[in-house]
Amino acid sequence: MDYSYDSESNVLSITISKKPFDYAQEMGDFIVHFDKKNKPVYIEILNADMFLKHAVTRLPQSSRKTFLRLLR
């Protein structure tokens, strides 16, 4: 698995598999790309900063500081 973040467009991209994708489906702030067997291979998270800020509130208090440091 590989990921990248484009701060200009505020998109977090996650590559799950190197398989080619057949189609994509938008689900709110997520665009999920699927292969021919309907398995997700690539995910784009739009408005990634807001998603990550919300996601960090779900982490145990002891892990939050470490995670937030990674976002800087």
PDB file of N, CA and C in Angstrom:
ATOM      1  N   MET A   1       0.852  -1.164   0.000  1.00  0.00           N
ATOM      2  CA  MET A   1       0.000   0.000   0.000  1.00  0.00           C
ATOM      3  C   MET A   1       0.901   1.230   0.000  1.00  0.00           C
ATOM      4  N   ASP A   2       0.476   2.240  -0.740  1.00  0.00           N
ATOM      5  CA  ASP A   2       1.234   3.470  -0.854  1.00  0.00           C
ATOM      6  C   ASP A   2       0.249   4.624  -0.768  1.00  0.00           C
ATOM      7  N   TYR A   3       0.727   5.782  -0.300  1.00  0.00           N
ATOM      8  CA  TYR A   3      -0.148   6.942  -0.229  1.00  0.00           C
ATOM      9  C   TYR A   3       0.635   8.198  -0.576  1.00  0.00           C
ATOM     10  N   SER A   4      -0.107   9.223  -0.982  1.00  0.00           N
ATOM     11  CA  SER A   4       0.482  10.524  -1.245  1.00  0.00           C
ATOM     12  C   SER A   4      -0.555  11.589  -0.922  1.00  0.00           C
ATOM     13  N   TYR A   5      -0.069  12.774  -0.590  1.00  0.00           N
ATOM     14  CA  TYR A   5      -0.951  13.889  -0.261  1.00  0.00           C
ATOM     15  C   TYR A   5      -0.561  15.080  -1.121  1.00  0.00           C
ATOM     16  N   ASP A   6      -1.532  15.661  -1.799  1.00  0.00           N
ATOM     17  CA  ASP A   6      -1.318  16.859  -2.599  1.00  0.00           C
ATOM     18  C   ASP A   6      -1.946  18.023  -1.845  1.00  0.00           C
ATOM     19  N   SER A   7      -1.104  18.858  -1.248  1.00  0.00           N
ATOM     20  CA  SER A   7      -1.612  19.950  -0.413  1.00  0.00           C
ATOM     21  C   SER A   7      -2.331  21.017  -1.238  1.00  0.00           C
ATOM     22  N   GLU A   8      -1.937  21.182  -2.483  1.00  0.00           N
ATOM     23  CA  GLU A   8      -2.590  22.192  -3.324  1.00  0.00           C
ATOM     24  C   GLU A   8      -4.050  21.835  -3.590  1.00  0.00           C
ATOM     25  N   SER A   9      -4.315  20.561  -3.887  1.00  0.00           N
ATOM     26  CA  SER A   9      -5.694  20.128  -4.137  1.00  0.00           C
ATOM     27  C   SER A   9      -6.353  19.541  -2.892  1.00  0.00           C
ATOM     28  N   ASN A  10      -5.561  19.351  -1.826  1.00  0.00           N
ATOM     29  CA  ASN A  10      -6.055  18.809  -0.553  1.00  0.00           C
ATOM     30  C   ASN A  10      -6.669  17.414  -0.746  1.00  0.00           C
ATOM     31  N   VAL A  11      -5.940  16.573  -1.489  1.00  0.00           N
ATOM     32  CA  VAL A  11      -6.405  15.216  -1.780  1.00  0.00           C
ATOM     33  C   VAL A  11      -5.381  14.213  -1.273  1.00  0.00           C
ATOM     34  N   LEU A  12      -5.858  13.249  -0.499  1.00  0.00           N
ATOM     35  CA  LEU A  12      -5.040  12.130  -0.047  1.00  0.00           C
ATOM     36  C   LEU A  12      -5.354  10.950  -0.959  1.00  0.00           C
ATOM     37  N   SER A  13      -4.325  10.400  -1.599  1.00  0.00           N
ATOM     38  CA  SER A  13      -4.489   9.270  -2.515  1.00  0.00           C
ATOM     39  C   SER A  13      -3.855   8.032  -1.901  1.00  0.00           C
ATOM     40  N   ILE A  14      -4.588   6.937  -1.927  1.00  0.00           N
ATOM     41  CA  ILE A  14      -4.118   5.685  -1.349  1.00  0.00           C
ATOM     42  C   ILE A  14      -4.185   4.597  -2.420  1.00  0.00           C
ATOM     43  N   THR A  15      -3.028   4.034  -2.737  1.00  0.00           N
ATOM     44  CA  THR A  15      -2.962   2.931  -3.690  1.00  0.00           C
ATOM     45  C   THR A  15      -2.974   1.628  -2.903  1.00  0.00           C
ATOM     46  N   ILE A  16      -3.981   0.827  -3.122  1.00  0.00           N
ATOM     47  CA  ILE A  16      -4.132  -0.439  -2.415  1.00  0.00           C
ATOM     48  C   ILE A  16      -3.501  -1.570  -3.215  1.00  0.00           C
ATOM     49  N   SER A  17      -3.639  -1.469  -4.537  1.00  0.00           N
ATOM     50  CA  SER A  17      -3.146  -2.519  -5.423  1.00  0.00           C
ATOM     51  C   SER A  17      -2.649  -1.879  -6.717  1.00  0.00           C
ATOM     52  N   LYS A  18      -1.718  -2.532  -7.374  1.00  0.00           N
ATOM     53  CA  LYS A  18      -1.197  -2.038  -8.656  1.00  0.00           C
ATOM     54  C   LYS A  18      -2.060  -2.504  -9.831  1.00  0.00           C
ATOM     55  N   LYS A  19      -3.124  -3.240  -9.548  1.00  0.00           N
ATOM     56  CA  LYS A  19      -4.013  -3.703 -10.617  1.00  0.00           C
ATOM     57  C   LYS A  19      -4.671  -2.496 -11.293  1.00  0.00           C
ATOM     58  N   PRO A  20      -4.933  -2.599 -12.591  1.00  0.00           N
ATOM     59  CA  PRO A  20      -5.624  -1.500 -13.273  1.00  0.00           C
ATOM     60  C   PRO A  20      -7.068  -1.389 -12.780  1.00  0.00           C
ATOM     61  N   PHE A  21      -7.574  -0.172 -12.736  1.00  0.00           N
ATOM     62  CA  PHE A  21      -8.963  -0.022 -12.298  1.00  0.00           C
ATOM     63  C   PHE A  21      -9.896  -0.018 -13.502  1.00  0.00           C
ATOM     64  N   ASP A  22     -11.094  -0.507 -13.259  1.00  0.00           N
ATOM     65  CA  ASP A  22     -12.102  -0.653 -14.302  1.00  0.00           C
ATOM     66  C   ASP A  22     -13.105   0.496 -14.254  1.00  0.00           C
ATOM     67  N   TYR A  23     -13.434   0.936 -13.054  1.00  0.00           N
ATOM     68  CA  TYR A  23     -14.407   2.022 -12.892  1.00  0.00           C
ATOM     69  C   TYR A  23     -14.193   2.677 -11.530  1.00  0.00           C
ATOM     70  N   ALA A  24     -14.785   3.848 -11.369  1.00  0.00           N
ATOM     71  CA  ALA A  24     -14.690   4.580 -10.112  1.00  0.00           C
ATOM     72  C   ALA A  24     -16.085   4.963  -9.645  1.00  0.00           C
ATOM     73  N   GLN A  25     -16.225   5.080  -8.341  1.00  0.00           N
ATOM     74  CA  GLN A  25     -17.504   5.468  -7.758  1.00  0.00           C
ATOM     75  C   GLN A  25     -17.251   6.548  -6.719  1.00  0.00           C
ATOM     76  N   GLU A  26     -17.970   7.657  -6.839  1.00  0.00           N
ATOM     77  CA  GLU A  26     -17.847   8.742  -5.865  1.00  0.00           C
ATOM     78  C   GLU A  26     -18.809   8.487  -4.716  1.00  0.00           C
ATOM     79  N   MET A  27     -18.275   8.615  -3.500  1.00  0.00           N
ATOM     80  CA  MET A  27     -19.063   8.384  -2.289  1.00  0.00           C
ATOM     81  C   MET A  27     -18.777   9.538  -1.340  1.00  0.00           C
ATOM     82  N   GLY A  28     -19.496  10.634  -1.492  1.00  0.00           N
ATOM     83  CA  GLY A  28     -19.225  11.814  -0.686  1.00  0.00           C
ATOM     84  C   GLY A  28     -17.850  12.367  -1.031  1.00  0.00           C
ATOM     85  N   ASP A  29     -16.989  12.494  -0.036  1.00  0.00           N
ATOM     86  CA  ASP A  29     -15.633  13.001  -0.249  1.00  0.00           C
ATOM     87  C   ASP A  29     -14.638  11.901  -0.616  1.00  0.00           C
ATOM     88  N   PHE A  30     -15.126  10.740  -0.991  1.00  0.00           N
ATOM     89  CA  PHE A  30     -14.269   9.626  -1.398  1.00  0.00           C
ATOM     90  C   PHE A  30     -14.554   9.268  -2.852  1.00  0.00           C
ATOM     91  N   ILE A  31     -13.484   8.983  -3.578  1.00  0.00           N
ATOM     92  CA  ILE A  31     -13.619   8.401  -4.912  1.00  0.00           C
ATOM     93  C   ILE A  31     -12.859   7.081  -4.849  1.00  0.00           C
ATOM     94  N   VAL A  32     -13.605   6.001  -5.022  1.00  0.00           N
ATOM     95  CA  VAL A  32     -13.019   4.661  -4.917  1.00  0.00           C
ATOM     96  C   VAL A  32     -12.963   4.061  -6.316  1.00  0.00           C
ATOM     97  N   HIS A  33     -11.771   3.604  -6.687  1.00  0.00           N
ATOM     98  CA  HIS A  33     -11.546   2.977  -7.992  1.00  0.00           C
ATOM     99  C   HIS A  33     -11.502   1.460  -7.785  1.00  0.00           C
ATOM    100  N   PHE A  34     -12.254   0.743  -8.603  1.00  0.00           N
ATOM    101  CA  PHE A  34     -12.391  -0.706  -8.470  1.00  0.00           C
ATOM    102  C   PHE A  34     -11.812  -1.421  -9.683  1.00  0.00           C
ATOM    103  N   ASP A  35     -11.331  -2.651  -9.474  1.00  0.00           N
ATOM    104  CA  ASP A  35     -10.889  -3.470 -10.600  1.00  0.00           C
ATOM    105  C   ASP A  35     -12.092  -4.224 -11.167  1.00  0.00           C
ATOM    106  N   LYS A  36     -11.847  -5.077 -12.151  1.00  0.00           N
ATOM    107  CA  LYS A  36     -12.938  -5.809 -12.805  1.00  0.00           C
ATOM    108  C   LYS A  36     -13.666  -6.770 -11.874  1.00  0.00           C
ATOM    109  N   LYS A  37     -13.002  -7.151 -10.775  1.00  0.00           N
ATOM    110  CA  LYS A  37     -13.629  -8.055  -9.806  1.00  0.00           C
ATOM    111  C   LYS A  37     -14.288  -7.287  -8.662  1.00  0.00           C
ATOM    112  N   ASN A  38     -14.478  -5.986  -8.850  1.00  0.00           N
ATOM    113  CA  ASN A  38     -15.127  -5.110  -7.860  1.00  0.00           C
ATOM    114  C   ASN A  38     -14.338  -4.957  -6.571  1.00  0.00           C
ATOM    115  N   LYS A  39     -13.030  -5.134  -6.635  1.00  0.00           N
ATOM    116  CA  LYS A  39     -12.160  -4.936  -5.472  1.00  0.00           C
ATOM    117  C   LYS A  39     -11.578  -3.526  -5.551  1.00  0.00           C
ATOM    118  N   PRO A  40     -11.581  -2.778  -4.441  1.00  0.00           N
ATOM    119  CA  PRO A  40     -10.982  -1.440  -4.476  1.00  0.00           C
ATOM    120  C   PRO A  40      -9.468  -1.526  -4.687  1.00  0.00           C
ATOM    121  N   VAL A  41      -8.957  -0.676  -5.581  1.00  0.00           N
ATOM    122  CA  VAL A  41      -7.528  -0.659  -5.861  1.00  0.00           C
ATOM    123  C   VAL A  41      -6.901   0.711  -5.599  1.00  0.00           C
ATOM    124  N   TYR A  42      -7.725   1.760  -5.559  1.00  0.00           N
ATOM    125  CA  TYR A  42      -7.210   3.112  -5.396  1.00  0.00           C
ATOM    126  C   TYR A  42      -8.301   3.971  -4.764  1.00  0.00           C
ATOM    127  N   ILE A  43      -7.939   4.784  -3.782  1.00  0.00           N
ATOM    128  CA  ILE A  43      -8.906   5.641  -3.095  1.00  0.00           C
ATOM    129  C   ILE A  43      -8.381   7.070  -3.088  1.00  0.00           C
ATOM    130  N   GLU A  44      -9.254   8.009  -3.417  1.00  0.00           N
ATOM    131  CA  GLU A  44      -8.937   9.426  -3.295  1.00  0.00           C
ATOM    132  C   GLU A  44      -9.849  10.012  -2.220  1.00  0.00           C
ATOM    133  N   ILE A  45      -9.257  10.715  -1.281  1.00  0.00           N
ATOM    134  CA  ILE A  45     -10.033  11.369  -0.224  1.00  0.00           C
ATOM    135  C   ILE A  45      -9.950  12.870  -0.475  1.00  0.00           C
ATOM    136  N   LEU A  46     -11.086  13.444  -0.854  1.00  0.00           N
ATOM    137  CA  LEU A  46     -11.174  14.881  -1.088  1.00  0.00           C
ATOM    138  C   LEU A  46     -11.325  15.585   0.256  1.00  0.00           C
ATOM    139  N   ASN A  47     -10.918  16.843   0.334  1.00  0.00           N
ATOM    140  CA  ASN A  47     -10.963  17.585   1.605  1.00  0.00           C
ATOM    141  C   ASN A  47     -10.270  16.784   2.700  1.00  0.00           C
ATOM    142  N   ALA A  48      -9.093  16.291   2.363  1.00  0.00           N
ATOM    143  CA  ALA A  48      -8.372  15.364   3.235  1.00  0.00           C
ATOM    144  C   ALA A  48      -8.051  15.953   4.601  1.00  0.00           C
ATOM    145  N   ASP A  49      -7.759  17.257   4.672  1.00  0.00           N
ATOM    146  CA  ASP A  49      -7.412  17.829   5.969  1.00  0.00           C
ATOM    147  C   ASP A  49      -8.569  17.715   6.955  1.00  0.00           C
ATOM    148  N   MET A  50      -9.786  17.971   6.498  1.00  0.00           N
ATOM    149  CA  MET A  50     -10.959  17.862   7.379  1.00  0.00           C
ATOM    150  C   MET A  50     -11.208  16.403   7.771  1.00  0.00           C
ATOM    151  N   PHE A  51     -11.045  15.491   6.814  1.00  0.00           N
ATOM    152  CA  PHE A  51     -11.229  14.075   7.110  1.00  0.00           C
ATOM    153  C   PHE A  51     -10.248  13.620   8.182  1.00  0.00           C
ATOM    154  N   LEU A  52      -8.969  13.989   8.024  1.00  0.00           N
ATOM    155  CA  LEU A  52      -7.949  13.555   8.975  1.00  0.00           C
ATOM    156  C   LEU A  52      -8.140  14.192  10.355  1.00  0.00           C
ATOM    157  N   LYS A  53      -8.540  15.456  10.380  1.00  0.00           N
ATOM    158  CA  LYS A  53      -8.794  16.106  11.672  1.00  0.00           C
ATOM    159  C   LYS A  53      -9.945  15.422  12.406  1.00  0.00           C
ATOM    160  N   HIS A  54     -10.966  15.024  11.659  1.00  0.00           N
ATOM    161  CA  HIS A  54     -12.086  14.309  12.281  1.00  0.00           C
ATOM    162  C   HIS A  54     -11.661  12.899  12.698  1.00  0.00           C
ATOM    163  N   ALA A  55     -10.894  12.244  11.847  1.00  0.00           N
ATOM    164  CA  ALA A  55     -10.466  10.870  12.130  1.00  0.00           C
ATOM    165  C   ALA A  55      -9.608  10.807  13.385  1.00  0.00           C
ATOM    166  N   VAL A  56      -8.780  11.825  13.595  1.00  0.00           N
ATOM    167  CA  VAL A  56      -7.879  11.800  14.746  1.00  0.00           C
ATOM    168  C   VAL A  56      -8.664  11.851  16.057  1.00  0.00           C
ATOM    169  N   THR A  57      -9.856  12.425  16.044  1.00  0.00           N
ATOM    170  CA  THR A  57     -10.654  12.465  17.279  1.00  0.00           C
ATOM    171  C   THR A  57     -11.127  11.073  17.681  1.00  0.00           C
ATOM    172  N   ARG A  58     -11.091  10.131  16.756  1.00  0.00           N
ATOM    173  CA  ARG A  58     -11.494   8.746  17.039  1.00  0.00           C
ATOM    174  C   ARG A  58     -10.360   7.916  17.629  1.00  0.00           C
ATOM    175  N   LEU A  59      -9.138   8.455  17.575  1.00  0.00           N
ATOM    176  CA  LEU A  59      -7.978   7.734  18.115  1.00  0.00           C
ATOM    177  C   LEU A  59      -7.928   7.852  19.629  1.00  0.00           C
ATOM    178  N   PRO A  60      -7.310   6.896  20.286  1.00  0.00           N
ATOM    179  CA  PRO A  60      -7.099   7.030  21.731  1.00  0.00           C
ATOM    180  C   PRO A  60      -6.256   8.277  22.008  1.00  0.00           C
ATOM    181  N   GLN A  61      -6.525   8.928  23.105  1.00  0.00           N
ATOM    182  CA  GLN A  61      -5.827  10.159  23.476  1.00  0.00           C
ATOM    183  C   GLN A  61      -4.312   9.990  23.394  1.00  0.00           C
ATOM    184  N   SER A  62      -3.808   8.840  23.789  1.00  0.00           N
ATOM    185  CA  SER A  62      -2.365   8.603  23.801  1.00  0.00           C
ATOM    186  C   SER A  62      -1.749   8.606  22.404  1.00  0.00           C
ATOM    187  N   SER A  63      -2.536   8.369  21.360  1.00  0.00           N
ATOM    188  CA  SER A  63      -2.022   8.312  19.992  1.00  0.00           C
ATOM    189  C   SER A  63      -2.205   9.614  19.225  1.00  0.00           C
ATOM    190  N   ARG A  64      -3.035  10.514  19.707  1.00  0.00           N
ATOM    191  CA  ARG A  64      -3.377  11.724  18.959  1.00  0.00           C
ATOM    192  C   ARG A  64      -2.183  12.618  18.670  1.00  0.00           C
ATOM    193  N   LYS A  65      -1.355  12.880  19.675  1.00  0.00           N
ATOM    194  CA  LYS A  65      -0.222  13.785  19.475  1.00  0.00           C
ATOM    195  C   LYS A  65       0.726  13.252  18.409  1.00  0.00           C
ATOM    196  N   THR A  66       0.978  11.963  18.444  1.00  0.00           N
ATOM    197  CA  THR A  66       1.865  11.359  17.450  1.00  0.00           C
ATOM    198  C   THR A  66       1.282  11.511  16.055  1.00  0.00           C
ATOM    199  N   PHE A  67       0.011  11.237  15.903  1.00  0.00           N
ATOM    200  CA  PHE A  67      -0.639  11.330  14.601  1.00  0.00           C
ATOM    201  C   PHE A  67      -0.658  12.771  14.107  1.00  0.00           C
ATOM    202  N   LEU A  68      -0.984  13.714  14.971  1.00  0.00           N
ATOM    203  CA  LEU A  68      -1.042  15.117  14.565  1.00  0.00           C
ATOM    204  C   LEU A  68       0.321  15.637  14.130  1.00  0.00           C
ATOM    205  N   ARG A  69       1.391  15.154  14.740  1.00  0.00           N
ATOM    206  CA  ARG A  69       2.735  15.540  14.318  1.00  0.00           C
ATOM    207  C   ARG A  69       3.000  15.098  12.879  1.00  0.00           C
ATOM    208  N   LEU A  70       2.452  13.975  12.489  1.00  0.00           N
ATOM    209  CA  LEU A  70       2.642  13.471  11.136  1.00  0.00           C
ATOM    210  C   LEU A  70       1.942  14.345  10.095  1.00  0.00           C
ATOM    211  N   LEU A  71       0.888  15.050  10.502  1.00  0.00           N
ATOM    212  CA  LEU A  71       0.131  15.882   9.576  1.00  0.00           C
ATOM    213  C   LEU A  71       0.802  17.214   9.279  1.00  0.00           C
ATOM    214  N   ARG A  72       1.746  17.602  10.098  1.00  0.00           N
ATOM    215  CA  ARG A  72       2.396  18.914   9.907  1.00  0.00           C
ATOM    216  C   ARG A  72       3.374  18.909   8.804  1.00  0.00           C
TER     217      ARG A  72
END
